[in-house]
Amino acid sequence: MSPERFVLVDDNDSDNFFHGIALKKAGFTGEVRVFERPEEALQFLLDDQISRSTCLLLDINMPQMSGFDLARALQGGLHPRQPLQVFMVSSSDWEEDRQRAASIPIVDHYVCKPFTVADVQAAMARQAELERRA
């Protein structure tokens, strides 16, 4: 089984569009939620508490609240009821950004943009494994 939902949090319309295409090409048929404002994504995720198996893609560089800020806020208030994978997705391949992401316990993966079909397939396979363990 693969995740039931992908949540994309990125202020860039083009990135959201291309990530949506990658999801479709990889055969993902579940729910896709797109948030261009991280504050709205934070509220949704805290209210939902991961009621469905979810892969969350967080862009690092967004105005007002970065992906790092969002991940830290989720770390303190999120109590997932279903399996969750959190991906930091960025155009940056800087080691400093990778280390910063790794220092946030809720973050599982760091991926350079774009999130490709192969990335989606790997995420779906890992999510299936998480669900088998749950």
C-alpha atoms as a PDB file:
ATOM      1  CA  MET A   1       0.000   0.000   0.000  1.00  0.00           C
ATOM      2  CA  SER A   2       1.240   3.512  -0.715  1.00  0.00           C
ATOM      3  CA  PRO A   3       0.452   6.767   1.076  1.00  0.00           C
ATOM      4  CA  GLU A   4      -3.112   7.956   0.850  1.00  0.00           C
ATOM      5  CA  ARG A   5      -2.075  11.590   0.638  1.00  0.00           C
ATOM      6  CA  PHE A   6       0.746  13.878  -0.444  1.00  0.00           C
ATOM      7  CA  VAL A   7       0.809  17.361   1.055  1.00  0.00           C
ATOM      8  CA  LEU A   8       2.888  19.863  -0.944  1.00  0.00           C
ATOM      9  CA  VAL A   9       3.963  23.039   0.828  1.00  0.00           C
ATOM     10  CA  ASP A  10       5.720  25.394  -1.576  1.00  0.00           C
ATOM     11  CA  ASP A  11       5.146  29.037  -2.464  1.00  0.00           C
ATOM     12  CA  ASN A  12       6.175  28.383  -6.081  1.00  0.00           C
ATOM     13  CA  ASP A  13       3.292  27.476  -8.437  1.00  0.00           C
ATOM     14  CA  SER A  14       5.635  25.923 -10.990  1.00  0.00           C
ATOM     15  CA  ASP A  15       7.233  23.592  -8.452  1.00  0.00           C
ATOM     16  CA  ASN A  16       3.814  22.493  -7.196  1.00  0.00           C
ATOM     17  CA  PHE A  17       2.721  21.880 -10.787  1.00  0.00           C
ATOM     18  CA  PHE A  18       5.792  19.787 -11.660  1.00  0.00           C
ATOM     19  CA  HIS A  19       5.616  17.829  -8.401  1.00  0.00           C
ATOM     20  CA  GLY A  20       1.966  17.078  -9.171  1.00  0.00           C
ATOM     21  CA  ILE A  21       2.976  15.752 -12.582  1.00  0.00           C
ATOM     22  CA  ALA A  22       5.639  13.530 -10.965  1.00  0.00           C
ATOM     23  CA  LEU A  23       3.001  12.131  -8.604  1.00  0.00           C
ATOM     24  CA  LYS A  24       0.689  11.268 -11.516  1.00  0.00           C
ATOM     25  CA  LYS A  25       3.481   9.767 -13.631  1.00  0.00           C
ATOM     26  CA  ALA A  26       4.527   7.599 -10.677  1.00  0.00           C
ATOM     27  CA  GLY A  27       0.990   6.235 -10.500  1.00  0.00           C
ATOM     28  CA  PHE A  28      -0.108   7.986  -7.331  1.00  0.00           C
ATOM     29  CA  THR A  29      -3.911   8.173  -7.299  1.00  0.00           C
ATOM     30  CA  GLY A  30      -4.571   9.417  -3.765  1.00  0.00           C
ATOM     31  CA  GLU A  31      -5.287  12.856  -2.393  1.00  0.00           C
ATOM     32  CA  VAL A  32      -2.945  15.744  -3.182  1.00  0.00           C
ATOM     33  CA  ARG A  33      -3.177  18.886  -1.075  1.00  0.00           C
ATOM     34  CA  VAL A  34      -1.221  21.970  -2.091  1.00  0.00           C
ATOM     35  CA  PHE A  35      -0.456  24.868   0.224  1.00  0.00           C
ATOM     36  CA  GLU A  36       1.366  27.954  -0.997  1.00  0.00           C
ATOM     37  CA  ARG A  37       1.287  29.477   2.485  1.00  0.00           C
ATOM     38  CA  PRO A  38       3.074  27.427   5.157  1.00  0.00           C
ATOM     39  CA  GLU A  39       0.889  28.918   7.909  1.00  0.00           C
ATOM     40  CA  GLU A  40      -2.177  27.392   6.266  1.00  0.00           C
ATOM     41  CA  ALA A  41      -0.430  24.029   5.923  1.00  0.00           C
ATOM     42  CA  LEU A  42       0.576  24.143   9.590  1.00  0.00           C
ATOM     43  CA  GLN A  43      -3.011  24.758  10.675  1.00  0.00           C
ATOM     44  CA  PHE A  44      -4.338  21.992   8.438  1.00  0.00           C
ATOM     45  CA  LEU A  45      -1.771  19.453   9.660  1.00  0.00           C
ATOM     46  CA  LEU A  46      -2.248  20.292  13.338  1.00  0.00           C
ATOM     47  CA  ASP A  47      -6.029  20.054  12.967  1.00  0.00           C
ATOM     48  CA  ASP A  48      -5.812  16.806  10.979  1.00  0.00           C
ATOM     49  CA  GLN A  49      -3.094  15.124  13.116  1.00  0.00           C
ATOM     50  CA  ILE A  50      -2.303  12.913  10.105  1.00  0.00           C
ATOM     51  CA  SER A  51      -5.599  11.064   9.880  1.00  0.00           C
ATOM     52  CA  ARG A  52      -4.433   9.433   6.624  1.00  0.00           C
ATOM     53  CA  SER A  53      -1.083   7.940   5.636  1.00  0.00           C
ATOM     54  CA  THR A  54       0.797  11.016   4.393  1.00  0.00           C
ATOM     55  CA  CYS A  55       3.972  12.165   2.671  1.00  0.00           C
ATOM     56  CA  LEU A  56       4.689  15.822   3.388  1.00  0.00           C
ATOM     57  CA  LEU A  57       6.929  17.843   1.060  1.00  0.00           C
ATOM     58  CA  LEU A  58       8.238  21.072   2.598  1.00  0.00           C
ATOM     59  CA  ASP A  59      10.040  23.689   0.570  1.00  0.00           C
ATOM     60  CA  ILE A  60      12.826  25.286   2.588  1.00  0.00           C
ATOM     61  CA  ASN A  61      12.705  28.888   1.383  1.00  0.00           C
ATOM     62  CA  MET A  62       9.306  30.507   1.784  1.00  0.00           C
ATOM     63  CA  PRO A  63       8.366  33.972   3.020  1.00  0.00           C
ATOM     64  CA  GLN A  64       7.186  34.459   6.611  1.00  0.00           C
ATOM     65  CA  MET A  65       7.803  30.822   7.605  1.00  0.00           C
ATOM     66  CA  SER A  66      10.512  28.571   6.188  1.00  0.00           C
ATOM     67  CA  GLY A  67      10.175  24.842   5.781  1.00  0.00           C
ATOM     68  CA  PHE A  68      12.547  24.508   8.741  1.00  0.00           C
ATOM     69  CA  ASP A  69      10.230  26.673  10.858  1.00  0.00           C
ATOM     70  CA  LEU A  70       7.220  24.649   9.779  1.00  0.00           C
ATOM     71  CA  ALA A  71       8.946  21.348  10.584  1.00  0.00           C
ATOM     72  CA  ARG A  72       9.901  22.616  14.048  1.00  0.00           C
ATOM     73  CA  ALA A  73       6.330  23.761  14.703  1.00  0.00           C
ATOM     74  CA  LEU A  74       5.032  20.352  13.651  1.00  0.00           C
ATOM     75  CA  GLN A  75       7.615  18.622  15.834  1.00  0.00           C
ATOM     76  CA  GLY A  76       6.076  20.206  18.902  1.00  0.00           C
ATOM     77  CA  GLY A  77       2.389  19.839  18.103  1.00  0.00           C
ATOM     78  CA  LEU A  78       1.881  16.943  15.735  1.00  0.00           C
ATOM     79  CA  HIS A  79       0.889  13.514  17.038  1.00  0.00           C
ATOM     80  CA  PRO A  80       0.428  11.458  13.865  1.00  0.00           C
ATOM     81  CA  ARG A  81      -2.348   8.884  13.947  1.00  0.00           C
ATOM     82  CA  GLN A  82      -1.160   7.329  10.673  1.00  0.00           C
ATOM     83  CA  PRO A  83       2.298   6.892   9.082  1.00  0.00           C
ATOM     84  CA  LEU A  84       4.007  10.140   8.058  1.00  0.00           C
ATOM     85  CA  GLN A  85       7.140  10.895   6.052  1.00  0.00           C
ATOM     86  CA  VAL A  86       8.490  14.433   5.968  1.00  0.00           C
ATOM     87  CA  PHE A  87      10.653  15.525   3.054  1.00  0.00           C
ATOM     88  CA  MET A  88      12.568  18.798   2.962  1.00  0.00           C
ATOM     89  CA  VAL A  89      12.597  19.729  -0.718  1.00  0.00           C
ATOM     90  CA  SER A  90      14.903  22.465  -1.940  1.00  0.00           C
ATOM     91  CA  SER A  91      16.883  23.679  -4.889  1.00  0.00           C
ATOM     92  CA  SER A  92      19.811  23.929  -2.456  1.00  0.00           C
ATOM     93  CA  ASP A  93      22.312  21.107  -2.265  1.00  0.00           C
ATOM     94  CA  TRP A  94      24.271  22.843   0.486  1.00  0.00           C
ATOM     95  CA  GLU A  95      25.562  20.584   3.223  1.00  0.00           C
ATOM     96  CA  GLU A  96      24.516  23.191   5.798  1.00  0.00           C
ATOM     97  CA  ASP A  97      20.863  22.879   4.703  1.00  0.00           C
ATOM     98  CA  ARG A  98      21.068  19.076   4.770  1.00  0.00           C
ATOM     99  CA  GLN A  99      22.499  19.142   8.302  1.00  0.00           C
ATOM    100  CA  ARG A 100      19.909  21.641   9.453  1.00  0.00           C
ATOM    101  CA  ALA A 101      17.132  19.402   8.121  1.00  0.00           C
ATOM    102  CA  ALA A 102      18.700  16.341   9.749  1.00  0.00           C
ATOM    103  CA  SER A 103      18.719  18.145  13.102  1.00  0.00           C
ATOM    104  CA  ILE A 104      14.905  18.288  13.134  1.00  0.00           C
ATOM    105  CA  PRO A 105      13.650  14.880  14.322  1.00  0.00           C
ATOM    106  CA  ILE A 106      10.394  14.942  12.339  1.00  0.00           C
ATOM    107  CA  VAL A 107      12.286  15.356   9.030  1.00  0.00           C
ATOM    108  CA  ASP A 108      12.963  12.002   7.374  1.00  0.00           C
ATOM    109  CA  HIS A 109      14.483  12.956   4.032  1.00  0.00           C
ATOM    110  CA  TYR A 110      16.173  15.778   2.145  1.00  0.00           C
ATOM    111  CA  VAL A 111      15.606  15.933  -1.609  1.00  0.00           C
ATOM    112  CA  CYS A 112      16.865  18.429  -4.172  1.00  0.00           C
ATOM    113  CA  LYS A 113      14.209  19.807  -6.502  1.00  0.00           C
ATOM    114  CA  PRO A 114      12.514  18.696  -8.497  1.00  0.00           C
ATOM    115  CA  PHE A 115      10.815  15.837  -6.664  1.00  0.00           C
ATOM    116  CA  THR A 116      10.990  13.274  -9.471  1.00  0.00           C
ATOM    117  CA  VAL A 117       8.997  10.209 -10.452  1.00  0.00           C
ATOM    118  CA  ALA A 118      11.777   8.076  -8.913  1.00  0.00           C
ATOM    119  CA  ASP A 119      11.519  10.104  -5.680  1.00  0.00           C
ATOM    120  CA  VAL A 120       7.746   9.530  -5.600  1.00  0.00           C
ATOM    121  CA  GLN A 121       8.141   5.806  -6.205  1.00  0.00           C
ATOM    122  CA  ALA A 122      10.753   5.546  -3.426  1.00  0.00           C
ATOM    123  CA  ALA A 123       8.490   7.514  -1.055  1.00  0.00           C
ATOM    124  CA  MET A 124       5.547   5.246  -1.846  1.00  0.00           C
ATOM    125  CA  ALA A 125       7.653   2.123  -1.231  1.00  0.00           C
ATOM    126  CA  ARG A 126       8.952   3.489   2.098  1.00  0.00           C
ATOM    127  CA  GLN A 127       5.430   4.459   3.119  1.00  0.00           C
ATOM    128  CA  ALA A 128       4.195   0.950   2.387  1.00  0.00           C
ATOM    129  CA  GLU A 129       6.960  -0.392   4.636  1.00  0.00           C
ATOM    130  CA  LEU A 130       5.983   2.045   7.407  1.00  0.00           C
ATOM    131  CA  GLU A 131       2.384   0.883   7.146  1.00  0.00           C
ATOM    132  CA  ARG A 132       3.399  -2.782   7.388  1.00  0.00           C
ATOM    133  CA  ARG A 133       5.295  -2.010  10.594  1.00  0.00           C
ATOM    134  CA  ALA A 134       2.412  -0.028  12.140  1.00  0.00           C
END
